[in-house]
Amino acid sequence: MAKQKSNKKGKLIVFSAPSGSGKTTIVRHLLDIEDLNLEFSISATSREKRGEEIEGKDYYFLSAKAFKAKIKKDEFLEWEEVYRDNFYGTLKTEVKRIWAKGKHVIFDIDVSGGLRIKRKFPEQTLAVFVKPPSIDELKIRLKKRKTESDDKINMRVAKASAELATAPLFDVIIENDNLKKALNEAETLISDFVHS
């Protein structure tokens, strides 16, 4: 893959975790640190917009049909059918766009997608798993969001157990039982990685 070589300096930082672990909060914090030279990889999804979400800023919103068409054309670096007809994925063009700006790509994605990126770019990727203090705490955090039904929350909690089992496959695990500590840990980790 010649393209991979030409982007040797561009790094990929993957943050994965069960929903409600705090990975998005950590990723947003890292994006605010100019010295890290990071840009957020906007995922594509076939789910409906939630609340104040903006097309092209939070996600690229696609219909399930359009998403499947892009899968057929091999336009994704990774993709996952998280729930039935509920797809998430990273478009190859998104990574190319960020690398072309001379920045490092930071992802806030599903566990399976994160591990796929690590497999495709083993040398360029740092895969970080954010672990919640417990499943009970996870449920409390998801309920506090008030963005999903109890059924959806229960589905996410059930999925979390399987996701937690994949934690050892990641390069690093950050336990988010104290946000300030988790943010500092993430900052040091990413700084060391992008400046190496």
Protein backbone atom coordinates (compact mmCIF):
# COMPACT_ATOMS: atom_id res chain seq x y z
CA MET A 1 0.00 0.00 0.00
CA ALA A 2 1.96 3.01 -1.28
CA LYS A 3 -0.48 5.50 0.22
CA GLN A 4 0.28 4.25 3.72
CA LYS A 5 4.00 4.99 3.22
CA SER A 6 3.38 8.52 1.97
CA ASN A 7 1.48 9.27 5.18
CA LYS A 8 4.21 7.90 7.44
CA LYS A 9 4.12 10.94 9.71
CA GLY A 10 0.33 10.88 10.12
CA LYS A 11 -0.64 8.93 13.21
CA LEU A 12 -3.93 7.38 14.24
CA ILE A 13 -5.18 7.57 17.81
CA VAL A 14 -8.15 5.36 18.57
CA PHE A 15 -10.34 5.79 21.64
CA SER A 16 -12.85 2.99 22.17
CA ALA A 17 -15.06 2.11 25.11
CA PRO A 18 -18.55 1.08 26.06
CA SER A 19 -21.10 3.92 25.74
CA GLY A 20 -20.99 6.14 28.82
CA SER A 21 -17.35 5.46 29.73
CA GLY A 22 -16.32 9.06 29.10
CA LYS A 23 -14.26 8.54 25.94
CA THR A 24 -15.93 11.46 24.13
CA THR A 25 -15.11 13.82 27.01
CA ILE A 26 -11.47 12.67 26.90
CA VAL A 27 -11.27 13.03 23.10
CA ARG A 28 -12.75 16.57 23.24
CA HIS A 29 -10.17 17.53 25.88
CA LEU A 30 -7.30 16.25 23.71
CA LEU A 31 -8.59 18.12 20.65
CA ASP A 32 -8.31 21.38 22.60
CA ILE A 33 -4.56 20.88 23.08
CA GLU A 34 -2.96 22.61 20.08
CA ASP A 35 0.47 21.04 20.55
CA LEU A 36 -0.95 17.56 19.88
CA ASN A 37 -1.93 18.57 16.30
CA LEU A 38 -5.04 16.36 16.29
CA GLU A 39 -8.16 16.43 14.18
CA PHE A 40 -11.31 14.47 14.89
CA SER A 41 -12.31 11.75 12.47
CA ILE A 42 -15.99 12.25 11.80
CA SER A 43 -17.72 8.89 11.57
CA ALA A 44 -20.52 8.06 9.19
CA THR A 45 -23.70 6.58 10.65
CA SER A 46 -27.09 5.40 9.49
CA ARG A 47 -28.79 6.27 12.78
CA GLU A 48 -31.04 9.30 13.25
CA LYS A 49 -29.63 12.60 14.49
CA ARG A 50 -29.87 13.13 18.24
CA GLY A 51 -30.60 16.52 19.80
CA GLU A 52 -28.32 19.25 18.48
CA GLU A 53 -26.09 17.05 16.31
CA ILE A 54 -24.81 18.65 13.11
CA GLU A 55 -24.19 16.97 9.75
CA GLY A 56 -20.46 16.98 8.90
CA LYS A 57 -19.48 18.03 12.43
CA ASP A 58 -20.79 15.26 14.70
CA TYR A 59 -21.38 12.61 12.02
CA TYR A 60 -21.96 12.14 8.33
CA PHE A 61 -25.58 10.99 8.44
CA LEU A 62 -26.43 8.45 5.72
CA SER A 63 -29.47 6.32 5.09
CA ALA A 64 -28.94 2.59 5.67
CA LYS A 65 -29.23 2.14 1.89
CA ALA A 66 -26.53 4.76 1.16
CA PHE A 67 -24.29 3.28 3.85
CA LYS A 68 -24.59 -0.21 2.34
CA ALA A 69 -23.78 1.19 -1.12
CA LYS A 70 -20.55 2.69 0.25
CA ILE A 71 -19.67 -0.66 1.86
CA LYS A 72 -20.07 -2.35 -1.54
CA LYS A 73 -17.73 0.26 -3.10
CA ASP A 74 -15.11 -0.36 -0.37
CA GLU A 75 -15.22 3.27 0.77
CA PHE A 76 -14.77 2.49 4.48
CA LEU A 77 -11.57 1.99 6.45
CA GLU A 78 -13.75 0.15 8.97
CA TRP A 79 -17.47 -0.21 9.55
CA GLU A 80 -19.78 -2.02 11.90
CA GLU A 81 -23.47 -2.87 12.05
CA VAL A 82 -23.79 -2.01 15.73
CA TYR A 83 -27.49 -2.81 15.93
CA ARG A 84 -29.74 -3.97 13.12
CA ASP A 85 -29.58 -1.46 10.21
CA ASN A 86 -27.67 0.86 12.54
CA PHE A 87 -24.26 1.29 10.92
CA TYR A 88 -21.19 3.25 11.98
CA GLY A 89 -17.96 3.55 10.05
CA THR A 90 -14.91 5.56 9.06
CA LEU A 91 -14.73 6.73 5.46
CA LYS A 92 -11.27 6.39 3.88
CA THR A 93 -11.65 9.93 2.52
CA GLU A 94 -11.93 11.24 6.10
CA VAL A 95 -8.49 9.94 7.11
CA LYS A 96 -6.95 11.18 3.83
CA ARG A 97 -8.51 14.63 4.39
CA ILE A 98 -6.93 14.95 7.87
CA TRP A 99 -3.53 13.56 6.85
CA ALA A 100 -3.48 15.99 3.89
CA LYS A 101 -3.66 18.83 6.44
CA GLY A 102 -0.56 17.42 8.18
CA LYS A 103 -2.53 16.43 11.29
CA HIS A 104 -2.90 13.25 13.32
CA VAL A 105 -6.29 11.53 13.30
CA ILE A 106 -8.15 10.92 16.57
CA PHE A 107 -11.10 8.51 16.61
CA ASP A 108 -13.95 8.08 19.08
CA ILE A 109 -15.27 4.76 17.82
CA ASP A 110 -16.75 1.37 18.56
CA VAL A 111 -14.44 -1.31 19.99
CA SER A 112 -14.56 -3.49 16.85
CA GLY A 113 -13.79 -0.54 14.58
CA GLY A 114 -10.92 0.55 16.78
CA LEU A 115 -9.32 -2.88 16.66
CA ARG A 116 -9.77 -3.03 12.85
CA ILE A 117 -7.86 0.24 12.43
CA LYS A 118 -5.10 -1.05 14.71
CA ARG A 119 -4.82 -4.20 12.56
CA LYS A 120 -4.66 -2.20 9.30
CA PHE A 121 -2.11 0.35 10.56
CA PRO A 122 -0.28 -1.40 13.43
CA GLU A 123 2.75 0.94 13.50
CA GLN A 124 0.84 4.20 13.10
CA THR A 125 -1.95 3.49 15.59
CA LEU A 126 -2.24 3.88 19.33
CA ALA A 127 -5.39 2.08 20.49
CA VAL A 128 -6.73 3.25 23.86
CA PHE A 129 -9.56 1.57 25.74
CA VAL A 130 -11.47 3.71 28.25
CA LYS A 131 -12.82 1.56 31.04
CA PRO A 132 -15.72 2.63 33.27
CA PRO A 133 -15.37 1.99 37.03
CA SER A 134 -18.24 -0.55 36.82
CA ILE A 135 -21.25 -1.64 34.77
CA ASP A 136 -23.55 -0.07 37.40
CA GLU A 137 -21.79 3.29 37.04
CA LEU A 138 -22.12 2.96 33.27
CA LYS A 139 -25.90 2.51 33.57
CA ILE A 140 -26.14 5.60 35.81
CA ARG A 141 -24.17 7.70 33.29
CA LEU A 142 -26.33 6.53 30.37
CA LYS A 143 -29.54 7.34 32.26
CA LYS A 144 -28.21 10.82 33.13
CA ARG A 145 -27.77 11.58 29.41
CA LYS A 146 -31.55 11.35 28.87
CA THR A 147 -30.99 10.70 25.15
CA GLU A 148 -32.23 7.11 24.89
CA SER A 149 -35.04 4.85 25.99
CA ASP A 150 -34.60 2.29 28.79
CA ASP A 151 -34.56 -0.46 26.14
CA LYS A 152 -31.66 1.21 24.29
CA ILE A 153 -29.81 1.73 27.59
CA ASN A 154 -30.27 -1.95 28.48
CA MET A 155 -28.97 -2.94 25.01
CA ARG A 156 -25.89 -0.73 25.53
CA VAL A 157 -25.26 -2.16 29.02
CA ALA A 158 -25.53 -5.74 27.70
CA LYS A 159 -23.09 -4.86 24.90
CA ALA A 160 -20.69 -3.25 27.41
CA SER A 161 -19.85 -6.58 29.04
CA ALA A 162 -18.67 -8.00 25.71
CA GLU A 163 -16.76 -4.79 24.95
CA LEU A 164 -15.00 -4.86 28.35
CA ALA A 165 -13.70 -8.33 27.49
CA THR A 166 -11.79 -6.83 24.51
CA ALA A 167 -9.88 -4.31 26.68
CA PRO A 168 -6.65 -6.42 26.81
CA LEU A 169 -6.45 -6.28 22.98
CA PHE A 170 -5.80 -2.52 23.13
CA ASP A 171 -2.38 -0.90 23.58
CA VAL A 172 -3.44 0.94 26.73
CA ILE A 173 -6.36 0.90 29.17
CA ILE A 174 -7.37 4.10 30.95
CA GLU A 175 -9.77 3.59 33.84
CA ASN A 176 -12.11 6.55 34.07
CA ASP A 177 -13.07 6.52 37.74
CA ASN A 178 -11.66 10.04 38.22
CA LEU A 179 -12.06 12.31 35.17
CA LYS A 180 -9.20 14.70 35.99
CA LYS A 181 -6.80 11.76 36.43
CA ALA A 182 -8.06 10.11 33.21
CA LEU A 183 -7.61 13.37 31.25
CA ASN A 184 -4.04 13.83 32.53
CA GLU A 185 -3.19 10.20 31.74
CA ALA A 186 -4.59 10.52 28.21
CA GLU A 187 -2.75 13.80 27.63
CA THR A 188 0.65 12.36 28.62
CA LEU A 189 0.05 9.20 26.62
CA ILE A 190 -0.96 10.96 23.40
CA SER A 191 1.77 13.60 23.71
CA ASP A 192 4.42 10.87 24.00
CA PHE A 193 2.93 9.01 21.03
CA VAL A 194 2.63 11.94 18.59
CA HIS A 195 6.02 13.37 19.47
CA SER A 196 7.89 10.05 19.18
